[in-house]
C-alpha atoms as a PDB file:
ATOM      1  CA  MET A   1     -49.798 230.270 135.836  1.00  0.00           C
ATOM      2  CA  ASN A   2     -48.994 230.493 132.335  1.00  0.00           C
ATOM      3  CA  GLU A   3     -48.323 228.115 130.089  1.00  0.00           C
ATOM      4  CA  PHE A   4     -44.518 228.657 129.640  1.00  0.00           C
ATOM      5  CA  SER A   5     -43.663 227.027 133.280  1.00  0.00           C
ATOM      6  CA  ASP A   6     -43.795 223.813 132.944  1.00  0.00           C
ATOM      7  CA  LYS A   7     -40.876 224.070 130.377  1.00  0.00           C
ATOM      8  CA  SER A   8     -39.518 227.463 129.584  1.00  0.00           C
ATOM      9  CA  VAL A   9     -38.051 228.892 126.718  1.00  0.00           C
ATOM     10  CA  PRO A  10     -34.867 228.976 125.538  1.00  0.00           C
ATOM     11  CA  PRO A  11     -32.704 232.276 125.060  1.00  0.00           C
ATOM     12  CA  CYS A  12     -33.753 233.664 121.734  1.00  0.00           C
ATOM     13  CA  PRO A  13     -30.796 232.339 119.116  1.00  0.00           C
ATOM     14  CA  PHE A  14     -31.132 235.259 116.960  1.00  0.00           C
ATOM     15  CA  PRO A  15     -28.601 238.283 117.484  1.00  0.00           C
ATOM     16  CA  LYS A  16     -30.236 241.851 117.727  1.00  0.00           C
ATOM     17  CA  LEU A  17     -29.370 244.141 115.085  1.00  0.00           C
ATOM     18  CA  TYR A  18     -27.042 246.863 115.118  1.00  0.00           C
ATOM     19  CA  PRO A  19     -28.114 248.783 111.682  1.00  0.00           C
ATOM     20  CA  SER A  20     -25.827 252.045 110.921  1.00  0.00           C
ATOM     21  CA  LEU A  21     -26.945 255.345 112.329  1.00  0.00           C
ATOM     22  CA  LEU A  22     -25.832 256.913 108.562  1.00  0.00           C
ATOM     23  CA  ALA A  23     -29.135 255.269 107.257  1.00  0.00           C
ATOM     24  CA  ILE A  24     -32.004 255.663 108.949  1.00  0.00           C
ATOM     25  CA  ASP A  25     -34.333 254.254 106.870  1.00  0.00           C
ATOM     26  CA  GLU A  26     -37.132 251.252 106.852  1.00  0.00           C
ATOM     27  CA  ARG A  27     -34.601 248.826 107.645  1.00  0.00           C
ATOM     28  CA  TYR A  28     -32.803 251.069 110.619  1.00  0.00           C
ATOM     29  CA  PHE A  29     -36.999 250.826 112.216  1.00  0.00           C
ATOM     30  CA  MET A  30     -37.854 247.197 111.660  1.00  0.00           C
ATOM     31  CA  SER A  31     -34.366 246.469 113.052  1.00  0.00           C
ATOM     32  CA  MET A  32     -35.422 248.348 116.024  1.00  0.00           C
ATOM     33  CA  ALA A  33     -38.326 246.403 115.723  1.00  0.00           C
ATOM     34  CA  PHE A  34     -37.189 242.626 115.717  1.00  0.00           C
ATOM     35  CA  ASN A  35     -34.539 243.668 118.308  1.00  0.00           C
ATOM     36  CA  GLN A  36     -38.573 244.180 120.467  1.00  0.00           C
ATOM     37  CA  ALA A  37     -39.784 240.635 118.889  1.00  0.00           C
ATOM     38  CA  ILE A  38     -36.121 239.336 120.079  1.00  0.00           C
ATOM     39  CA  ASP A  39     -37.017 240.857 124.282  1.00  0.00           C
ATOM     40  CA  ALA A  40     -40.315 239.379 123.624  1.00  0.00           C
ATOM     41  CA  TRP A  41     -38.839 235.810 123.020  1.00  0.00           C
ATOM     42  CA  ASN A  42     -36.418 236.162 125.722  1.00  0.00           C
ATOM     43  CA  LYS A  43     -39.732 236.733 127.739  1.00  0.00           C
ATOM     44  CA  GLY A  44     -41.143 234.269 126.378  1.00  0.00           C
ATOM     45  CA  GLU A  45     -43.655 236.125 124.984  1.00  0.00           C
ATOM     46  CA  VAL A  46     -44.463 235.526 120.721  1.00  0.00           C
ATOM     47  CA  PRO A  47     -41.384 237.364 119.366  1.00  0.00           C
ATOM     48  CA  ILE A  48     -43.591 240.351 117.808  1.00  0.00           C
ATOM     49  CA  GLY A  49     -42.070 243.780 118.044  1.00  0.00           C
ATOM     50  CA  ALA A  50     -43.293 247.620 116.827  1.00  0.00           C
ATOM     51  CA  VAL A  51     -42.124 250.445 116.965  1.00  0.00           C
ATOM     52  CA  VAL A  52     -43.272 254.590 116.029  1.00  0.00           C
ATOM     53  CA  GLU A  53     -41.105 256.554 114.315  1.00  0.00           C
ATOM     54  CA  TYR A  54     -42.492 260.611 114.495  1.00  0.00           C
ATOM     55  CA  GLU A  55     -41.078 263.514 112.405  1.00  0.00           C
ATOM     56  CA  GLY A  56     -37.546 260.752 112.224  1.00  0.00           C
ATOM     57  CA  GLU A  57     -37.156 259.678 115.301  1.00  0.00           C
ATOM     58  CA  ILE A  58     -38.322 256.795 117.445  1.00  0.00           C
ATOM     59  CA  VAL A  59     -41.310 258.117 119.580  1.00  0.00           C
ATOM     60  CA  ALA A  60     -42.393 254.504 121.308  1.00  0.00           C
ATOM     61  CA  ARG A  61     -40.599 250.862 121.677  1.00  0.00           C
ATOM     62  CA  ALA A  62     -42.973 247.311 122.559  1.00  0.00           C
ATOM     63  CA  HIS A  63     -43.211 243.502 122.180  1.00  0.00           C
ATOM     64  CA  ASN A  64     -45.738 241.742 123.800  1.00  0.00           C
ATOM     65  CA  CYS A  65     -46.057 241.074 126.751  1.00  0.00           C
ATOM     66  CA  VAL A  66     -49.439 239.070 126.474  1.00  0.00           C
ATOM     67  CA  GLU A  67     -48.314 236.284 129.141  1.00  0.00           C
ATOM     68  CA  THR A  68     -46.525 238.719 131.241  1.00  0.00           C
ATOM     69  CA  ASN A  69     -49.297 240.857 132.026  1.00  0.00           C
ATOM     70  CA  LYS A  70     -52.202 238.384 131.587  1.00  0.00           C
ATOM     71  CA  ASP A  71     -53.307 241.288 129.541  1.00  0.00           C
ATOM     72  CA  PRO A  72     -55.237 239.266 125.834  1.00  0.00           C
ATOM     73  CA  THR A  73     -54.674 243.312 125.054  1.00  0.00           C
ATOM     74  CA  ALA A  74     -50.678 243.471 125.319  1.00  0.00           C
ATOM     75  CA  HIS A  75     -49.729 243.052 122.187  1.00  0.00           C
ATOM     76  CA  ALA A  76     -46.687 245.063 120.583  1.00  0.00           C
ATOM     77  CA  GLU A  77     -48.838 247.380 118.155  1.00  0.00           C
ATOM     78  CA  ILE A  78     -51.013 248.399 121.160  1.00  0.00           C
ATOM     79  CA  LEU A  79     -48.137 248.940 123.711  1.00  0.00           C
ATOM     80  CA  ALA A  80     -46.494 251.175 121.232  1.00  0.00           C
ATOM     81  CA  LEU A  81     -49.701 253.068 120.513  1.00  0.00           C
ATOM     82  CA  THR A  82     -49.593 254.055 124.307  1.00  0.00           C
ATOM     83  CA  SER A  83     -46.380 254.743 124.110  1.00  0.00           C
ATOM     84  CA  ALA A  84     -46.140 257.401 121.678  1.00  0.00           C
ATOM     85  CA  ALA A  85     -50.079 258.888 122.047  1.00  0.00           C
ATOM     86  CA  ASN A  86     -47.767 259.955 125.443  1.00  0.00           C
ATOM     87  CA  ALA A  87     -45.227 260.621 124.471  1.00  0.00           C
ATOM     88  CA  ILE A  88     -46.636 262.546 121.144  1.00  0.00           C
ATOM     89  CA  GLY A  89     -49.504 264.049 123.790  1.00  0.00           C
ATOM     90  CA  ASP A  90     -52.170 263.144 121.719  1.00  0.00           C
ATOM     91  CA  TRP A  91     -54.581 259.799 120.936  1.00  0.00           C
ATOM     92  CA  ARG A  92     -53.788 261.117 116.807  1.00  0.00           C
ATOM     93  CA  MET A  93     -51.302 259.604 115.735  1.00  0.00           C
ATOM     94  CA  SER A  94     -51.146 261.657 111.981  1.00  0.00           C
ATOM     95  CA  GLY A  95     -47.280 261.664 110.727  1.00  0.00           C
ATOM     96  CA  ALA A  96     -46.248 258.335 112.161  1.00  0.00           C
ATOM     97  CA  THR A  97     -45.452 255.241 111.238  1.00  0.00           C
ATOM     98  CA  MET A  98     -46.039 252.203 113.056  1.00  0.00           C
ATOM     99  CA  TYR A  99     -43.210 249.296 112.333  1.00  0.00           C
ATOM    100  CA  VAL A 100     -44.404 246.002 112.647  1.00  0.00           C
ATOM    101  CA  THR A 101     -42.190 242.625 113.015  1.00  0.00           C
ATOM    102  CA  LYS A 102     -46.206 240.718 112.016  1.00  0.00           C
ATOM    103  CA  GLU A 103     -48.720 241.775 110.226  1.00  0.00           C
ATOM    104  CA  PRO A 104     -51.510 243.034 113.088  1.00  0.00           C
ATOM    105  CA  CYS A 105     -54.466 241.385 114.488  1.00  0.00           C
ATOM    106  CA  PRO A 106     -57.787 242.469 113.911  1.00  0.00           C
ATOM    107  CA  MET A 107     -57.652 244.833 117.437  1.00  0.00           C
ATOM    108  CA  CYS A 108     -54.222 245.535 116.635  1.00  0.00           C
ATOM    109  CA  SER A 109     -55.108 247.083 112.487  1.00  0.00           C
ATOM    110  CA  GLY A 110     -58.461 248.387 114.627  1.00  0.00           C
ATOM    111  CA  ALA A 111     -56.874 250.776 117.041  1.00  0.00           C
ATOM    112  CA  MET A 112     -53.838 251.614 114.346  1.00  0.00           C
ATOM    113  CA  ILE A 113     -57.091 253.171 112.210  1.00  0.00           C
ATOM    114  CA  MET A 114     -58.596 254.681 114.716  1.00  0.00           C
ATOM    115  CA  SER A 115     -55.488 256.243 115.507  1.00  0.00           C
ATOM    116  CA  ARG A 116     -55.602 258.018 112.486  1.00  0.00           C
ATOM    117  CA  MET A 117     -51.874 256.207 111.897  1.00  0.00           C
ATOM    118  CA  SER A 118     -50.750 258.172 108.852  1.00  0.00           C
ATOM    119  CA  ARG A 119     -48.672 254.611 107.899  1.00  0.00           C
ATOM    120  CA  VAL A 120     -48.159 250.969 108.778  1.00  0.00           C
ATOM    121  CA  VAL A 121     -45.275 248.803 108.216  1.00  0.00           C
ATOM    122  CA  TYR A 122     -44.833 245.420 108.948  1.00  0.00           C
ATOM    123  CA  ALA A 123     -42.530 242.808 107.615  1.00  0.00           C
ATOM    124  CA  VAL A 124     -44.550 239.417 107.609  1.00  0.00           C
ATOM    125  CA  ARG A 125     -48.045 238.979 105.995  1.00  0.00           C
ATOM    126  CA  ASP A 126     -50.226 237.029 108.247  1.00  0.00           C
ATOM    127  CA  PRO A 127     -53.154 235.204 106.293  1.00  0.00           C
ATOM    128  CA  LYS A 128     -54.969 233.488 109.215  1.00  0.00           C
ATOM    129  CA  MET A 129     -55.039 236.452 111.084  1.00  0.00           C
ATOM    130  CA  GLY A 130     -54.255 239.455 109.815  1.00  0.00           C
ATOM    131  CA  CYS A 131     -56.468 242.301 109.281  1.00  0.00           C
ATOM    132  CA  LEU A 132     -54.089 244.671 106.906  1.00  0.00           C
ATOM    133  CA  GLY A 133     -54.038 242.580 103.971  1.00  0.00           C
ATOM    134  CA  GLY A 134     -53.620 239.174 105.137  1.00  0.00           C
ATOM    135  CA  ALA A 135     -57.089 237.576 105.605  1.00  0.00           C
ATOM    136  CA  THR A 136     -59.561 240.365 105.480  1.00  0.00           C
ATOM    137  CA  ASP A 137     -57.609 244.112 104.688  1.00  0.00           C
ATOM    138  CA  LEU A 138     -59.875 246.524 107.507  1.00  0.00           C
ATOM    139  CA  ASN A 139     -57.889 249.594 106.033  1.00  0.00           C
ATOM    140  CA  SER A 140     -60.309 249.275 103.193  1.00  0.00           C
ATOM    141  CA  LEU A 141     -63.725 249.020 104.642  1.00  0.00           C
ATOM    142  CA  PRO A 142     -65.552 251.745 102.419  1.00  0.00           C
ATOM    143  CA  ARG A 143     -67.343 253.708 105.318  1.00  0.00           C
ATOM    144  CA  SER A 144     -64.166 254.121 107.334  1.00  0.00           C
ATOM    145  CA  ASN A 145     -63.227 257.889 107.648  1.00  0.00           C
ATOM    146  CA  HIS A 146     -59.207 257.595 107.693  1.00  0.00           C
ATOM    147  CA  ARG A 147     -57.006 254.919 105.957  1.00  0.00           C
ATOM    148  CA  CYS A 148     -53.562 253.829 107.069  1.00  0.00           C
ATOM    149  CA  ILE A 149     -50.409 253.869 104.108  1.00  0.00           C
ATOM    150  CA  MET A 150     -49.873 250.467 103.787  1.00  0.00           C
ATOM    151  CA  GLU A 151     -46.510 248.880 103.177  1.00  0.00           C
ATOM    152  CA  ALA A 152     -45.302 245.243 103.569  1.00  0.00           C
ATOM    153  CA  GLY A 153     -42.360 242.961 102.946  1.00  0.00           C
ATOM    154  CA  VAL A 154     -39.479 244.977 105.041  1.00  0.00           C
ATOM    155  CA  MET A 155     -37.079 242.886 106.709  1.00  0.00           C
ATOM    156  CA  GLU A 156     -40.121 239.185 106.451  1.00  0.00           C
ATOM    157  CA  GLU A 157     -36.884 236.910 106.040  1.00  0.00           C
ATOM    158  CA  GLU A 158     -35.312 237.667 109.577  1.00  0.00           C
ATOM    159  CA  CYS A 159     -38.566 238.017 111.050  1.00  0.00           C
ATOM    160  CA  ARG A 160     -40.330 235.207 109.842  1.00  0.00           C
ATOM    161  CA  GLU A 161     -37.323 233.043 109.981  1.00  0.00           C
ATOM    162  CA  LEU A 162     -37.695 234.378 113.850  1.00  0.00           C
ATOM    163  CA  LEU A 163     -41.222 233.276 114.483  1.00  0.00           C
ATOM    164  CA  GLN A 164     -40.961 230.433 112.706  1.00  0.00           C
ATOM    165  CA  ALA A 165     -37.961 229.202 114.869  1.00  0.00           C
ATOM    166  CA  PHE A 166     -40.421 230.159 118.043  1.00  0.00           C
ATOM    167  CA  PHE A 167     -43.875 228.207 116.708  1.00  0.00           C
ATOM    168  CA  SER A 168     -40.696 225.635 116.056  1.00  0.00           C
ATOM    169  CA  ILE A 169     -39.462 225.591 119.371  1.00  0.00           C
ATOM    170  CA  ARG A 170     -43.212 225.891 121.201  1.00  0.00           C
ATOM    171  CA  ARG A 171     -44.735 222.719 119.216  1.00  0.00           C
ATOM    172  CA  GLN A 172     -41.502 221.178 120.558  1.00  0.00           C
ATOM    173  CA  GLY A 173     -42.925 221.955 123.825  1.00  0.00           C
ATOM    174  CA  GLY A 174     -46.422 220.243 122.958  1.00  0.00           C
ATOM    175  CA  ASN A 175     -47.615 223.742 123.227  1.00  0.00           C
ATOM    176  CA  VAL A 176     -49.509 224.170 119.741  1.00  0.00           C
ATOM    177  CA  ASP A 177     -51.298 227.984 119.553  1.00  0.00           C
END
Protein backbone atom coordinates (compact mmCIF):
# COMPACT_ATOMS: atom_id res chain seq x y z
CA MET A 1 0.00 0.00 0.00
CA ASN A 2 1.51 3.35 -0.97
CA GLU A 3 1.11 6.71 0.70
CA PHE A 4 -1.53 7.75 -1.86
CA SER A 5 -3.82 4.83 -1.06
CA ASP A 6 -5.63 6.52 1.81
CA LYS A 7 -6.18 9.76 -0.08
CA SER A 8 -6.13 10.27 -3.78
CA VAL A 9 -4.29 13.09 -5.44
CA PRO A 10 -6.74 15.00 -7.62
CA PRO A 11 -6.12 15.00 -11.38
CA CYS A 12 -3.47 17.43 -12.53
CA PRO A 13 -5.02 20.87 -13.15
CA PHE A 14 -2.26 21.83 -15.58
CA PRO A 15 -2.93 21.26 -19.29
CA LYS A 16 -0.49 19.38 -21.48
CA LEU A 17 1.53 21.48 -23.88
CA TYR A 18 1.44 21.11 -27.65
CA PRO A 19 4.38 23.10 -29.02
CA SER A 20 4.78 23.67 -32.73
CA LEU A 21 6.81 21.17 -34.72
CA LEU A 22 8.09 24.15 -36.69
CA ALA A 23 10.30 25.19 -33.77
CA ILE A 24 12.00 22.11 -32.38
CA ASP A 25 14.22 23.71 -29.77
CA GLU A 26 14.93 23.45 -26.03
CA ARG A 27 11.46 24.69 -25.15
CA TYR A 28 9.92 22.01 -27.40
CA PHE A 29 11.85 19.19 -25.70
CA MET A 30 11.19 20.58 -22.21
CA SER A 31 7.49 20.80 -23.08
CA MET A 32 7.58 17.07 -23.78
CA ALA A 33 9.25 16.49 -20.39
CA PHE A 34 6.59 18.72 -18.78
CA ASN A 35 3.88 16.53 -20.33
CA GLN A 36 5.57 13.48 -18.81
CA ALA A 37 5.46 15.24 -15.42
CA ILE A 38 1.71 15.71 -15.83
CA ASP A 39 1.40 11.97 -16.53
CA ALA A 40 3.33 11.30 -13.32
CA TRP A 41 0.97 13.53 -11.30
CA ASN A 42 -2.05 11.74 -12.74
CA LYS A 43 -0.60 8.44 -11.48
CA GLY A 44 0.03 9.82 -7.98
CA GLU A 45 3.76 10.20 -8.57
CA VAL A 46 5.94 13.23 -7.88
CA PRO A 47 5.54 15.19 -11.14
CA ILE A 48 8.95 14.96 -12.72
CA GLY A 49 9.34 14.15 -16.39
CA ALA A 50 12.29 13.54 -18.67
CA VAL A 51 13.00 13.09 -22.35
CA VAL A 52 16.21 12.16 -24.13
CA GLU A 53 16.95 13.80 -27.47
CA TYR A 54 19.44 12.18 -29.83
CA GLU A 55 20.18 13.46 -33.34
CA GLY A 56 17.20 15.82 -33.16
CA GLU A 57 14.66 13.13 -32.21
CA ILE A 58 13.13 12.09 -28.89
CA VAL A 59 14.42 8.55 -28.29
CA ALA A 60 13.07 8.17 -24.75
CA ARG A 61 10.34 9.59 -22.50
CA ALA A 62 9.70 8.81 -18.88
CA HIS A 63 8.21 10.09 -15.66
CA ASN A 64 8.66 9.12 -12.04
CA CYS A 65 7.32 5.63 -11.26
CA VAL A 66 8.67 5.16 -7.73
CA GLU A 67 5.24 4.53 -6.18
CA THR A 68 3.85 2.59 -9.13
CA ASN A 69 6.86 0.27 -9.42
CA LYS A 70 7.62 0.20 -5.69
CA ASP A 71 11.18 0.96 -6.77
CA PRO A 72 13.29 3.76 -5.25
CA THR A 73 15.37 3.94 -8.44
CA ALA A 74 12.39 4.48 -10.75
CA HIS A 75 13.09 8.18 -11.21
CA ALA A 76 12.20 9.76 -14.56
CA GLU A 77 15.86 10.24 -15.47
CA ILE A 78 16.88 6.63 -14.75
CA LEU A 79 13.92 5.24 -16.70
CA ALA A 80 14.63 7.59 -19.61
CA LEU A 81 18.34 6.62 -19.62
CA THR A 82 17.49 2.92 -19.79
CA SER A 83 14.97 3.47 -22.56
CA ALA A 84 17.40 5.69 -24.51
CA ALA A 85 20.19 3.11 -24.24
CA ASN A 86 17.83 0.50 -25.69
CA ALA A 87 16.75 2.85 -28.50
CA ILE A 88 20.30 3.92 -29.39
CA GLY A 89 21.76 0.46 -28.89
CA ASP A 90 24.57 1.67 -26.64
CA TRP A 91 24.93 2.60 -22.98
CA ARG A 92 27.08 5.58 -23.97
CA MET A 93 24.88 8.64 -24.40
CA SER A 94 27.48 10.69 -26.30
CA GLY A 95 25.58 13.12 -28.48
CA ALA A 96 22.38 12.86 -26.40
CA THR A 97 20.66 15.53 -24.32
CA MET A 98 18.46 14.83 -21.29
CA TYR A 99 15.66 17.33 -20.66
CA VAL A 100 14.23 17.05 -17.16
CA THR A 101 11.76 19.21 -15.25
CA LYS A 102 13.79 19.35 -12.00
CA GLU A 103 17.49 19.22 -11.25
CA PRO A 104 18.57 15.59 -10.89
CA CYS A 105 19.26 14.00 -7.50
CA PRO A 106 22.61 12.35 -6.62
CA MET A 107 21.59 8.99 -8.12
CA CYS A 108 20.32 10.46 -11.39
CA SER A 109 23.17 12.96 -11.73
CA GLY A 110 25.70 10.16 -11.28
CA ALA A 111 23.91 7.97 -13.81
CA MET A 112 23.95 10.75 -16.41
CA ILE A 113 27.64 11.39 -15.88
CA MET A 114 28.46 7.66 -15.98
CA SER A 115 26.41 7.23 -19.17
CA ARG A 116 28.50 9.92 -20.89
CA MET A 117 25.40 12.07 -21.47
CA SER A 118 26.60 15.00 -23.57
CA ARG A 119 24.19 17.56 -22.20
CA VAL A 120 21.64 17.94 -19.41
CA VAL A 121 18.99 20.66 -19.49
CA TYR A 122 16.78 21.05 -16.44
CA ALA A 123 14.06 23.52 -15.55
CA VAL A 124 14.05 23.96 -11.76
CA ARG A 125 17.11 24.06 -9.53
CA ASP A 126 16.98 21.93 -6.39
CA PRO A 127 19.10 23.50 -3.63
CA LYS A 128 18.21 20.64 -1.26
CA MET A 129 19.04 17.49 -3.29
CA GLY A 130 20.14 18.65 -6.75
CA CYS A 131 23.57 17.42 -7.73
CA LEU A 132 24.26 19.33 -10.92
CA GLY A 133 24.79 22.71 -9.31
CA GLY A 134 22.06 22.99 -6.64
CA ALA A 135 23.12 21.33 -3.38
CA THR A 136 26.39 20.18 -4.93
CA ASP A 137 27.85 19.55 -8.37
CA LEU A 138 28.91 16.00 -9.20
CA ASN A 139 29.70 17.24 -12.68
CA SER A 140 32.67 19.20 -11.34
CA LEU A 141 34.45 16.38 -9.50
CA PRO A 142 38.09 17.03 -10.36
CA ARG A 143 39.03 13.41 -11.08
CA SER A 144 35.96 12.55 -13.16
CA ASN A 145 36.71 11.46 -16.71
CA HIS A 146 33.46 12.87 -18.13
CA ARG A 147 31.51 16.08 -17.81
CA CYS A 148 28.05 16.98 -19.09
CA ILE A 149 27.31 20.37 -20.56
CA MET A 150 24.69 21.89 -18.23
CA GLU A 151 21.87 24.32 -18.73
CA ALA A 152 19.26 25.32 -16.18
CA GLY A 153 16.12 27.42 -16.31
CA VAL A 154 14.35 26.30 -19.51
CA MET A 155 10.62 26.57 -18.68
CA GLU A 156 11.54 27.08 -15.04
CA GLU A 157 8.37 28.96 -14.10
CA GLU A 158 5.97 26.38 -15.55
CA CYS A 159 7.80 23.43 -14.02
CA ARG A 160 8.16 25.14 -10.63
CA GLU A 161 4.42 25.92 -10.53
CA LEU A 162 3.60 22.27 -11.29
CA LEU A 163 5.85 20.96 -8.51
CA GLN A 164 4.68 23.55 -5.97
CA ALA A 165 1.02 22.84 -6.69
CA PHE A 166 1.54 19.09 -6.28
CA PHE A 167 3.33 19.42 -2.94
CA SER A 168 0.84 22.02 -1.70
CA ILE A 169 -1.99 19.53 -2.29
CA ARG A 170 -0.01 16.75 -0.60
CA ARG A 171 0.67 18.93 2.43
CA GLN A 172 -3.04 19.70 2.74
CA GLY A 173 -3.63 15.96 2.93
CA GLY A 174 -1.04 15.48 5.65
CA ASN A 175 1.75 13.92 3.59
CA VAL A 176 4.86 16.07 3.54
CA ASP A 177 8.13 14.80 2.09
